[in-house]
Amino acid sequence: MSIQSTRPAAAKLAQAESAPRSAMAALPRLARAYGPTTRRRGLWQALSFVLANSYFVKFLKYVPCPTLNCYACPAASFACPIGTLQHFAATRRVPFFTLGILGAIGTVVGRAVCGWACPVGGLQELLYKAPVRKVRVSNRLTFVRYLVLAGLVFAVPFLTGEPWFSKLCFVGTLEAGVPLALGDRTIRSLIGPFFWLKVGITAALLLMMVFVKRPFCRFVCPLGAIYAPFNRIAPSSIAFREDLCVRCGRCTEVCPMDLDVPKEINGLNCIRCRECVGICKALPRPGA
């Protein structure tokens, strides 16, 4: 074999060997951009959970929580916003106070409340860190959460007088159903098939969170469906330089909502978490 014929093969081999090294070299940069924001959001989400379940501020029980939090939790400080909406739908009244609070929050921060304050989102991101093979699910299915909002939160309670989303909600099962059953013998004696159905739904969702990025937020959460339209007017948008984007995909990899960031940044599904900020020149940090 001639020297000339071996050169293309050698070049390909060198290129193949350098690819993993290039990827490994990029990891520290990726970690620096990704890690600190994740930790800050985790602290805010933990603080939000503590405040929402601070037993000593019960006087706020009639004020809707800006995030998902079960009002039936023994330590809950606020009312559940979705539970409140269902109650008013069931009694065929308009929840002006609740809608006003959610509207005010949405106008100021949009879905940033989902990215920075919601403990349910934090739980999903924590479970997704499990070192298993991940599954990507198309964001085309995000319309389902609007069906949940229209159906289970408004239409079904209006027609039946029962808060069916709350009856099935996995947050209620985790924060109230299971703890109350474990702590009260009388409640345990009343457990029936419906309770185990709720436990099954909860277990299925928790398992899905290990493999799929924020599945509850993306495909089910009616509160996210309420906040989503406010992304169009909230001043919490993220600066994106489309002219500098080379479609490397690094921003999409760190996005907890599995968005195609160059196309969907600041859209209805963006939770303004800012994980992508600083990841490349197209997403500069403020003041950079």
C-alpha atoms as a PDB file:
ATOM      1  CA  MET A   1       0.000   0.000   0.000  1.00  0.00           C
ATOM      2  CA  SER A   2       1.375   3.407  -0.948  1.00  0.00           C
ATOM      3  CA  ILE A   3       1.965   6.236   1.479  1.00  0.00           C
ATOM      4  CA  GLN A   4      -0.517   8.398  -0.438  1.00  0.00           C
ATOM      5  CA  SER A   5      -3.353   5.866   0.008  1.00  0.00           C
ATOM      6  CA  THR A   6      -2.877   5.679   3.756  1.00  0.00           C
ATOM      7  CA  ARG A   7      -3.130   9.426   4.302  1.00  0.00           C
ATOM      8  CA  PRO A   8      -6.943   9.750   3.950  1.00  0.00           C
ATOM      9  CA  ALA A   9      -7.473   6.841   6.329  1.00  0.00           C
ATOM     10  CA  ALA A  10      -5.021   8.300   8.827  1.00  0.00           C
ATOM     11  CA  ALA A  11      -6.739  11.677   8.608  1.00  0.00           C
ATOM     12  CA  LYS A  12     -10.143  10.116   9.274  1.00  0.00           C
ATOM     13  CA  LEU A  13      -8.744   8.158  12.217  1.00  0.00           C
ATOM     14  CA  ALA A  14      -7.204  11.297  13.713  1.00  0.00           C
ATOM     15  CA  GLN A  15     -10.478  13.166  13.252  1.00  0.00           C
ATOM     16  CA  ALA A  16     -12.454  10.385  14.945  1.00  0.00           C
ATOM     17  CA  GLU A  17     -10.022  10.281  17.855  1.00  0.00           C
ATOM     18  CA  SER A  18     -10.102  14.049  18.299  1.00  0.00           C
ATOM     19  CA  ALA A  19     -13.921  14.246  18.399  1.00  0.00           C
ATOM     20  CA  PRO A  20     -14.308  12.692  21.881  1.00  0.00           C
ATOM     21  CA  ARG A  21     -11.471  14.861  23.182  1.00  0.00           C
ATOM     22  CA  SER A  22     -13.168  17.967  21.765  1.00  0.00           C
ATOM     23  CA  ALA A  23     -16.446  16.973  23.374  1.00  0.00           C
ATOM     24  CA  MET A  24     -14.731  16.312  26.712  1.00  0.00           C
ATOM     25  CA  ALA A  25     -12.953  19.647  26.487  1.00  0.00           C
ATOM     26  CA  ALA A  26     -16.321  21.368  26.049  1.00  0.00           C
ATOM     27  CA  LEU A  27     -17.798  19.785  29.183  1.00  0.00           C
ATOM     28  CA  PRO A  28     -16.136  22.126  31.707  1.00  0.00           C
ATOM     29  CA  ARG A  29     -17.417  25.142  29.778  1.00  0.00           C
ATOM     30  CA  LEU A  30     -20.859  23.581  29.665  1.00  0.00           C
ATOM     31  CA  ALA A  31     -20.781  22.846  33.387  1.00  0.00           C
ATOM     32  CA  ARG A  32     -19.749  26.396  34.237  1.00  0.00           C
ATOM     33  CA  ALA A  33     -22.641  27.823  32.256  1.00  0.00           C
ATOM     34  CA  TYR A  34     -25.176  25.258  33.428  1.00  0.00           C
ATOM     35  CA  GLY A  35     -24.329  24.581  37.059  1.00  0.00           C
ATOM     36  CA  PRO A  36     -24.611  27.917  38.913  1.00  0.00           C
ATOM     37  CA  THR A  37     -28.017  28.802  37.462  1.00  0.00           C
ATOM     38  CA  THR A  38     -29.337  25.348  38.297  1.00  0.00           C
ATOM     39  CA  ARG A  39     -28.164  25.692  41.881  1.00  0.00           C
ATOM     40  CA  ARG A  40     -29.678  29.150  42.262  1.00  0.00           C
ATOM     41  CA  ARG A  41     -32.998  27.968  40.878  1.00  0.00           C
ATOM     42  CA  GLY A  42     -32.897  24.949  43.179  1.00  0.00           C
ATOM     43  CA  LEU A  43     -32.481  27.227  46.190  1.00  0.00           C
ATOM     44  CA  TRP A  44     -35.397  29.411  45.122  1.00  0.00           C
ATOM     45  CA  GLN A  45     -37.580  26.359  44.481  1.00  0.00           C
ATOM     46  CA  ALA A  46     -36.719  24.939  47.911  1.00  0.00           C
ATOM     47  CA  LEU A  47     -37.466  28.289  49.555  1.00  0.00           C
ATOM     48  CA  SER A  48     -40.769  28.455  47.685  1.00  0.00           C
ATOM     49  CA  PHE A  49     -41.719  25.005  48.973  1.00  0.00           C
ATOM     50  CA  VAL A  50     -40.877  25.973  52.561  1.00  0.00           C
ATOM     51  CA  LEU A  51     -42.863  29.216  52.353  1.00  0.00           C
ATOM     52  CA  ALA A  52     -45.836  27.464  50.762  1.00  0.00           C
ATOM     53  CA  ASN A  53     -45.843  24.927  53.582  1.00  0.00           C
ATOM     54  CA  SER A  54     -45.002  27.099  56.590  1.00  0.00           C
ATOM     55  CA  TYR A  55     -47.565  25.934  59.102  1.00  0.00           C
ATOM     56  CA  PHE A  56     -47.380  29.140  61.155  1.00  0.00           C
ATOM     57  CA  VAL A  57     -48.782  31.464  58.481  1.00  0.00           C
ATOM     58  CA  LYS A  58     -52.188  29.850  58.153  1.00  0.00           C
ATOM     59  CA  PHE A  59     -53.837  33.270  57.727  1.00  0.00           C
ATOM     60  CA  LEU A  60     -52.745  33.102  54.074  1.00  0.00           C
ATOM     61  CA  LYS A  61     -54.822  29.970  53.466  1.00  0.00           C
ATOM     62  CA  TYR A  62     -57.322  31.988  51.432  1.00  0.00           C
ATOM     63  CA  VAL A  63     -54.623  33.443  49.176  1.00  0.00           C
ATOM     64  CA  PRO A  64     -53.812  31.351  46.077  1.00  0.00           C
ATOM     65  CA  CYS A  65     -50.239  30.126  45.857  1.00  0.00           C
ATOM     66  CA  PRO A  66     -48.462  31.272  42.661  1.00  0.00           C
ATOM     67  CA  THR A  67     -47.187  27.696  42.138  1.00  0.00           C
ATOM     68  CA  LEU A  68     -48.744  24.252  42.416  1.00  0.00           C
ATOM     69  CA  ASN A  69     -49.075  23.309  46.085  1.00  0.00           C
ATOM     70  CA  CYS A  70     -51.820  21.150  47.580  1.00  0.00           C
ATOM     71  CA  TYR A  71     -54.035  23.076  50.000  1.00  0.00           C
ATOM     72  CA  ALA A  72     -54.863  19.776  51.734  1.00  0.00           C
ATOM     73  CA  CYS A  73     -51.245  19.357  52.830  1.00  0.00           C
ATOM     74  CA  PRO A  74     -51.288  19.565  56.664  1.00  0.00           C
ATOM     75  CA  ALA A  75     -48.651  22.330  56.596  1.00  0.00           C
ATOM     76  CA  ALA A  76     -49.952  24.283  53.573  1.00  0.00           C
ATOM     77  CA  SER A  77     -49.988  28.059  54.005  1.00  0.00           C
ATOM     78  CA  PHE A  78     -51.781  29.036  50.803  1.00  0.00           C
ATOM     79  CA  ALA A  79     -54.729  27.901  48.729  1.00  0.00           C
ATOM     80  CA  CYS A  80     -54.076  25.854  45.604  1.00  0.00           C
ATOM     81  CA  PRO A  81     -54.678  28.118  42.572  1.00  0.00           C
ATOM     82  CA  ILE A  82     -56.024  25.269  40.458  1.00  0.00           C
ATOM     83  CA  GLY A  83     -58.176  23.971  43.318  1.00  0.00           C
ATOM     84  CA  THR A  84     -59.603  27.471  43.748  1.00  0.00           C
ATOM     85  CA  LEU A  85     -60.441  27.763  40.054  1.00  0.00           C
ATOM     86  CA  GLN A  86     -62.187  24.384  40.167  1.00  0.00           C
ATOM     87  CA  HIS A  87     -64.185  25.388  43.244  1.00  0.00           C
ATOM     88  CA  PHE A  88     -65.490  28.510  41.538  1.00  0.00           C
ATOM     89  CA  ALA A  89     -66.239  26.576  38.349  1.00  0.00           C
ATOM     90  CA  ALA A  90     -68.192  24.017  40.391  1.00  0.00           C
ATOM     91  CA  THR A  91     -70.162  26.766  42.153  1.00  0.00           C
ATOM     92  CA  ARG A  92     -70.546  28.650  38.853  1.00  0.00           C
ATOM     93  CA  ARG A  93     -68.936  31.864  40.031  1.00  0.00           C
ATOM     94  CA  VAL A  94     -66.048  33.927  38.676  1.00  0.00           C
ATOM     95  CA  PRO A  95     -62.841  33.814  40.802  1.00  0.00           C
ATOM     96  CA  PHE A  96     -61.850  37.456  40.340  1.00  0.00           C
ATOM     97  CA  PHE A  97     -59.328  37.452  43.197  1.00  0.00           C
ATOM     98  CA  THR A  98     -57.504  34.324  42.015  1.00  0.00           C
ATOM     99  CA  LEU A  99     -57.501  35.391  38.372  1.00  0.00           C
ATOM    100  CA  GLY A 100     -56.222  38.815  39.406  1.00  0.00           C
ATOM    101  CA  ILE A 101     -53.297  37.364  41.365  1.00  0.00           C
ATOM    102  CA  LEU A 102     -52.328  34.911  38.626  1.00  0.00           C
ATOM    103  CA  GLY A 103     -52.692  37.632  36.000  1.00  0.00           C
ATOM    104  CA  ALA A 104     -50.489  40.036  37.958  1.00  0.00           C
ATOM    105  CA  ILE A 105     -47.775  37.415  38.431  1.00  0.00           C
ATOM    106  CA  GLY A 106     -47.951  36.405  34.783  1.00  0.00           C
ATOM    107  CA  THR A 107     -47.715  40.000  33.598  1.00  0.00           C
ATOM    108  CA  VAL A 108     -44.580  40.647  35.647  1.00  0.00           C
ATOM    109  CA  VAL A 109     -42.594  37.419  35.177  1.00  0.00           C
ATOM    110  CA  GLY A 110     -44.506  35.205  32.737  1.00  0.00           C
ATOM    111  CA  ARG A 111     -43.509  31.563  33.047  1.00  0.00           C
ATOM    112  CA  ALA A 112     -40.377  32.441  34.989  1.00  0.00           C
ATOM    113  CA  VAL A 113     -42.423  31.436  38.025  1.00  0.00           C
ATOM    114  CA  CYS A 114     -42.389  27.894  36.584  1.00  0.00           C
ATOM    115  CA  GLY A 115     -38.630  27.963  36.131  1.00  0.00           C
ATOM    116  CA  TRP A 116     -37.598  29.601  39.387  1.00  0.00           C
ATOM    117  CA  ALA A 117     -40.332  29.188  42.009  1.00  0.00           C
ATOM    118  CA  CYS A 118     -42.279  25.985  41.367  1.00  0.00           C
ATOM    119  CA  PRO A 119     -41.099  23.077  43.566  1.00  0.00           C
ATOM    120  CA  VAL A 120     -42.850  20.611  41.264  1.00  0.00           C
ATOM    121  CA  GLY A 121     -40.538  21.689  38.464  1.00  0.00           C
ATOM    122  CA  GLY A 122     -37.555  21.324  40.782  1.00  0.00           C
ATOM    123  CA  LEU A 123     -38.629  17.787  41.672  1.00  0.00           C
ATOM    124  CA  GLN A 124     -38.813  16.842  38.003  1.00  0.00           C
ATOM    125  CA  GLU A 125     -35.367  18.230  37.247  1.00  0.00           C
ATOM    126  CA  LEU A 126     -33.931  16.429  40.260  1.00  0.00           C
ATOM    127  CA  LEU A 127     -35.362  13.070  39.173  1.00  0.00           C
ATOM    128  CA  TYR A 128     -34.141  13.631  35.608  1.00  0.00           C
ATOM    129  CA  LYS A 129     -30.563  13.693  36.911  1.00  0.00           C
ATOM    130  CA  ALA A 130     -30.764   9.922  37.449  1.00  0.00           C
ATOM    131  CA  PRO A 131     -28.039   8.289  35.294  1.00  0.00           C
ATOM    132  CA  VAL A 132     -30.292   6.346  32.924  1.00  0.00           C
ATOM    133  CA  ARG A 133     -30.916   6.476  29.187  1.00  0.00           C
ATOM    134  CA  LYS A 134     -33.211   9.405  28.416  1.00  0.00           C
ATOM    135  CA  VAL A 135     -36.236   9.608  26.123  1.00  0.00           C
ATOM    136  CA  ARG A 136     -37.107  12.646  24.024  1.00  0.00           C
ATOM    137  CA  VAL A 137     -40.795  13.460  23.608  1.00  0.00           C
ATOM    138  CA  SER A 138     -41.947  15.983  21.023  1.00  0.00           C
ATOM    139  CA  ASN A 139     -43.183  19.336  22.289  1.00  0.00           C
ATOM    140  CA  ARG A 140     -46.016  19.042  19.799  1.00  0.00           C
ATOM    141  CA  LEU A 141     -47.926  17.346  22.619  1.00  0.00           C
ATOM    142  CA  THR A 142     -47.862  20.430  24.837  1.00  0.00           C
ATOM    143  CA  PHE A 143     -51.377  21.273  23.654  1.00  0.00           C
ATOM    144  CA  VAL A 144     -52.602  18.561  26.049  1.00  0.00           C
ATOM    145  CA  ARG A 145     -52.128  20.868  29.043  1.00  0.00           C
ATOM    146  CA  TYR A 146     -54.652  23.290  27.523  1.00  0.00           C
ATOM    147  CA  LEU A 147     -57.130  20.427  27.227  1.00  0.00           C
ATOM    148  CA  VAL A 148     -56.486  19.630  30.895  1.00  0.00           C
ATOM    149  CA  LEU A 149     -57.114  23.271  31.815  1.00  0.00           C
ATOM    150  CA  ALA A 150     -60.293  23.558  29.770  1.00  0.00           C
ATOM    151  CA  GLY A 151     -61.595  20.088  30.632  1.00  0.00           C
ATOM    152  CA  LEU A 152     -60.564  18.991  34.116  1.00  0.00           C
ATOM    153  CA  VAL A 153     -60.207  22.459  35.660  1.00  0.00           C
ATOM    154  CA  PHE A 154     -63.218  24.259  34.182  1.00  0.00           C
ATOM    155  CA  ALA A 155     -65.678  22.117  32.188  1.00  0.00           C
ATOM    156  CA  VAL A 156     -65.856  18.955  34.323  1.00  0.00           C
ATOM    157  CA  PRO A 157     -66.176  20.800  37.683  1.00  0.00           C
ATOM    158  CA  PHE A 158     -68.772  23.103  36.112  1.00  0.00           C
ATOM    159  CA  LEU A 159     -70.828  20.119  34.942  1.00  0.00           C
ATOM    160  CA  THR A 160     -70.341  17.772  37.905  1.00  0.00           C
ATOM    161  CA  GLY A 161     -69.642  20.078  40.835  1.00  0.00           C
ATOM    162  CA  GLU A 162     -66.510  18.051  41.635  1.00  0.00           C
ATOM    163  CA  PRO A 163     -62.833  19.187  41.429  1.00  0.00           C
ATOM    164  CA  TRP A 164     -61.622  16.298  39.321  1.00  0.00           C
ATOM    165  CA  PHE A 165     -58.163  17.625  38.590  1.00  0.00           C
ATOM    166  CA  SER A 166     -57.465  17.887  42.318  1.00  0.00           C
ATOM    167  CA  LYS A 167     -58.875  14.407  42.853  1.00  0.00           C
ATOM    168  CA  LEU A 168     -56.298  13.008  40.424  1.00  0.00           C
ATOM    169  CA  CYS A 169     -53.423  15.462  40.963  1.00  0.00           C
ATOM    170  CA  PHE A 170     -50.154  13.757  41.859  1.00  0.00           C
ATOM    171  CA  VAL A 171     -49.065  16.788  43.915  1.00  0.00           C
ATOM    172  CA  GLY A 172     -52.035  16.252  46.208  1.00  0.00           C
ATOM    173  CA  THR A 173     -51.188  12.572  46.501  1.00  0.00           C
ATOM    174  CA  LEU A 174     -47.570  13.334  47.462  1.00  0.00           C
ATOM    175  CA  GLU A 175     -48.232  16.253  49.801  1.00  0.00           C
ATOM    176  CA  ALA A 176     -51.532  15.221  51.364  1.00  0.00           C
ATOM    177  CA  GLY A 177     -52.919  11.809  50.391  1.00  0.00           C
ATOM    178  CA  VAL A 178     -49.952   9.625  51.297  1.00  0.00           C
ATOM    179  CA  PRO A 179     -48.811  11.613  54.397  1.00  0.00           C
ATOM    180  CA  LEU A 180     -52.329  11.720  55.841  1.00  0.00           C
ATOM    181  CA  ALA A 181     -52.828   8.009  55.198  1.00  0.00           C
ATOM    182  CA  LEU A 182     -49.517   7.173  56.862  1.00  0.00           C
ATOM    183  CA  GLY A 183     -50.217   9.350  59.881  1.00  0.00           C
ATOM    184  CA  ASP A 184     -53.868   8.582  60.589  1.00  0.00           C
ATOM    185  CA  ARG A 185     -55.197   5.087  61.221  1.00  0.00           C
ATOM    186  CA  THR A 186     -58.780   6.210  60.598  1.00  0.00           C
ATOM    187  CA  ILE A 187     -57.893   7.551  57.165  1.00  0.00           C
ATOM    188  CA  ARG A 188     -56.020   4.344  56.350  1.00  0.00           C
ATOM    189  CA  SER A 189     -59.151   2.354  57.131  1.00  0.00           C
ATOM    190  CA  LEU A 190     -61.031   4.353  54.494  1.00  0.00           C
ATOM    191  CA  ILE A 191     -58.551   3.669  51.688  1.00  0.00           C
ATOM    192  CA  GLY A 192     -60.190   2.180  48.618  1.00  0.00           C
ATOM    193  CA  PRO A 193     -59.477   1.499  44.932  1.00  0.00           C
ATOM    194  CA  PHE A 194     -59.556   5.194  43.998  1.00  0.00           C
ATOM    195  CA  PHE A 195     -56.682   5.943  46.369  1.00  0.00           C
ATOM    196  CA  TRP A 196     -54.581   3.251  44.724  1.00  0.00           C
ATOM    197  CA  LEU A 197     -55.488   4.670  41.307  1.00  0.00           C
ATOM    198  CA  LYS A 198     -54.056   8.015  42.461  1.00  0.00           C
ATOM    199  CA  VAL A 199     -50.947   6.296  43.790  1.00  0.00           C
ATOM    200  CA  GLY A 200     -50.558   4.545  40.432  1.00  0.00           C
ATOM    201  CA  ILE A 201     -50.853   7.834  38.517  1.00  0.00           C
ATOM    202  CA  THR A 202     -48.307   9.415  40.846  1.00  0.00           C
ATOM    203  CA  ALA A 203     -45.870   6.521  40.490  1.00  0.00           C
ATOM    204  CA  ALA A 204     -46.190   6.587  36.695  1.00  0.00           C
ATOM    205  CA  LEU A 205     -45.495  10.322  36.559  1.00  0.00           C
ATOM    206  CA  LEU A 206     -42.525  10.071  38.916  1.00  0.00           C
ATOM    207  CA  LEU A 207     -41.074   7.267  36.809  1.00  0.00           C
ATOM    208  CA  MET A 208     -41.590   9.283  33.634  1.00  0.00           C
ATOM    209  CA  MET A 209     -39.711  12.209  35.207  1.00  0.00           C
ATOM    210  CA  VAL A 210     -36.597  10.040  35.386  1.00  0.00           C
ATOM    211  CA  PHE A 211     -36.568   9.567  31.607  1.00  0.00           C
ATOM    212  CA  VAL A 212     -38.266  12.667  30.160  1.00  0.00           C
ATOM    213  CA  LYS A 213     -37.522  16.338  30.800  1.00  0.00           C
ATOM    214  CA  ARG A 214     -40.263  17.948  32.924  1.00  0.00           C
ATOM    215  CA  PRO A 215     -43.134  15.836  31.529  1.00  0.00           C
ATOM    216  CA  PHE A 216     -45.752  17.178  33.940  1.00  0.00           C
ATOM    217  CA  CYS A 217     -44.864  20.811  33.177  1.00  0.00           C
ATOM    218  CA  ARG A 218     -44.787  20.275  29.443  1.00  0.00           C
ATOM    219  CA  PHE A 219     -47.843  18.103  28.889  1.00  0.00           C
ATOM    220  CA  VAL A 220     -50.165  18.266  31.924  1.00  0.00           C
ATOM    221  CA  CYS A 221     -49.808  21.313  34.179  1.00  0.00           C
ATOM    222  CA  PRO A 222     -52.830  23.633  33.834  1.00  0.00           C
ATOM    223  CA  LEU A 223     -51.092  26.385  35.803  1.00  0.00           C
ATOM    224  CA  GLY A 224     -48.353  26.494  33.188  1.00  0.00           C
ATOM    225  CA  ALA A 225     -51.095  26.764  30.560  1.00  0.00           C
ATOM    226  CA  ILE A 226     -52.423  29.838  32.381  1.00  0.00           C
ATOM    227  CA  TYR A 227     -49.029  31.528  32.635  1.00  0.00           C
ATOM    228  CA  ALA A 228     -47.909  30.672  29.080  1.00  0.00           C
ATOM    229  CA  PRO A 229     -49.708  33.480  27.179  1.00  0.00           C
ATOM    230  CA  PHE A 230     -48.162  36.066  29.515  1.00  0.00           C
ATOM    231  CA  ASN A 231     -44.736  35.232  28.066  1.00  0.00           C
ATOM    232  CA  ARG A 232     -45.686  37.487  25.160  1.00  0.00           C
ATOM    233  CA  ILE A 233     -45.870  40.580  27.392  1.00  0.00           C
ATOM    234  CA  ALA A 234     -43.757  39.818  30.485  1.00  0.00           C
ATOM    235  CA  PRO A 235     -40.477  41.783  30.618  1.00  0.00           C
ATOM    236  CA  SER A 236     -38.468  38.713  31.671  1.00  0.00           C
ATOM    237  CA  SER A 237     -37.467  37.760  28.123  1.00  0.00           C
ATOM    238  CA  ILE A 238     -34.036  36.339  27.267  1.00  0.00           C
ATOM    239  CA  ALA A 239     -31.759  38.133  24.782  1.00  0.00           C
ATOM    240  CA  PHE A 240     -30.985  36.009  21.722  1.00  0.00           C
ATOM    241  CA  ARG A 241     -28.622  36.986  18.887  1.00  0.00           C
ATOM    242  CA  GLU A 242     -29.930  34.987  15.943  1.00  0.00           C
ATOM    243  CA  ASP A 243     -27.171  36.338  13.704  1.00  0.00           C
ATOM    244  CA  LEU A 244     -24.555  34.671  15.941  1.00  0.00           C
ATOM    245  CA  CYS A 245     -26.307  31.302  16.246  1.00  0.00           C
ATOM    246  CA  VAL A 246     -24.455  28.409  14.597  1.00  0.00           C
ATOM    247  CA  ARG A 247     -27.033  25.755  15.607  1.00  0.00           C
ATOM    248  CA  CYS A 248     -24.545  23.835  17.760  1.00  0.00           C
ATOM    249  CA  GLY A 249     -27.378  22.520  19.956  1.00  0.00           C
ATOM    250  CA  ARG A 250     -25.710  23.220  23.299  1.00  0.00           C
ATOM    251  CA  CYS A 251     -28.581  25.452  24.443  1.00  0.00           C
ATOM    252  CA  THR A 252     -31.131  22.757  23.651  1.00  0.00           C
ATOM    253  CA  GLU A 253     -29.135  20.186  25.614  1.00  0.00           C
ATOM    254  CA  VAL A 254     -29.296  22.238  28.830  1.00  0.00           C
ATOM    255  CA  CYS A 255     -32.918  23.349  28.381  1.00  0.00           C
ATOM    256  CA  PRO A 256     -35.073  21.641  31.067  1.00  0.00           C
ATOM    257  CA  MET A 257     -38.128  21.949  28.801  1.00  0.00           C
ATOM    258  CA  ASP A 258     -36.341  20.230  25.891  1.00  0.00           C
ATOM    259  CA  LEU A 259     -36.996  23.191  23.595  1.00  0.00           C
ATOM    260  CA  ASP A 260     -35.347  23.859  20.267  1.00  0.00           C
ATOM    261  CA  VAL A 261     -34.031  27.036  21.862  1.00  0.00           C
ATOM    262  CA  PRO A 262     -33.175  29.060  18.718  1.00  0.00           C
ATOM    263  CA  LYS A 263     -36.761  28.567  17.523  1.00  0.00           C
ATOM    264  CA  GLU A 264     -38.713  28.490  20.800  1.00  0.00           C
ATOM    265  CA  ILE A 265     -36.860  30.818  23.167  1.00  0.00           C
ATOM    266  CA  ASN A 266     -39.280  33.238  24.884  1.00  0.00           C
ATOM    267  CA  GLY A 267     -42.211  31.298  23.416  1.00  0.00           C
ATOM    268  CA  LEU A 268     -45.172  29.809  25.269  1.00  0.00           C
ATOM    269  CA  ASN A 269     -43.151  26.812  26.442  1.00  0.00           C
ATOM    270  CA  CYS A 270     -40.117  28.767  27.657  1.00  0.00           C
ATOM    271  CA  ILE A 271     -39.948  28.936  31.461  1.00  0.00           C
ATOM    272  CA  ARG A 272     -37.326  31.710  31.463  1.00  0.00           C
ATOM    273  CA  CYS A 273     -34.996  29.566  33.574  1.00  0.00           C
ATOM    274  CA  ARG A 274     -31.933  31.147  31.891  1.00  0.00           C
ATOM    275  CA  GLU A 275     -30.023  27.853  31.819  1.00  0.00           C
ATOM    276  CA  CYS A 276     -29.074  28.631  28.223  1.00  0.00           C
ATOM    277  CA  VAL A 277     -27.817  32.149  28.959  1.00  0.00           C
ATOM    278  CA  GLY A 278     -24.060  32.394  28.481  1.00  0.00           C
ATOM    279  CA  ILE A 279     -23.819  29.002  26.809  1.00  0.00           C
ATOM    280  CA  CYS A 280     -22.650  30.636  23.565  1.00  0.00           C
ATOM    281  CA  LYS A 281     -22.226  34.018  21.879  1.00  0.00           C
ATOM    282  CA  ALA A 282     -25.823  33.969  20.628  1.00  0.00           C
ATOM    283  CA  LEU A 283     -27.095  33.923  24.219  1.00  0.00           C
ATOM    284  CA  PRO A 284     -24.987  36.542  25.993  1.00  0.00           C
ATOM    285  CA  ARG A 285     -25.178  37.214  29.696  1.00  0.00           C
ATOM    286  CA  PRO A 286     -26.632  40.616  30.659  1.00  0.00           C
ATOM    287  CA  GLY A 287     -23.975  43.285  30.306  1.00  0.00           C
ATOM    288  CA  ALA A 288     -21.690  41.047  28.253  1.00  0.00           C
END
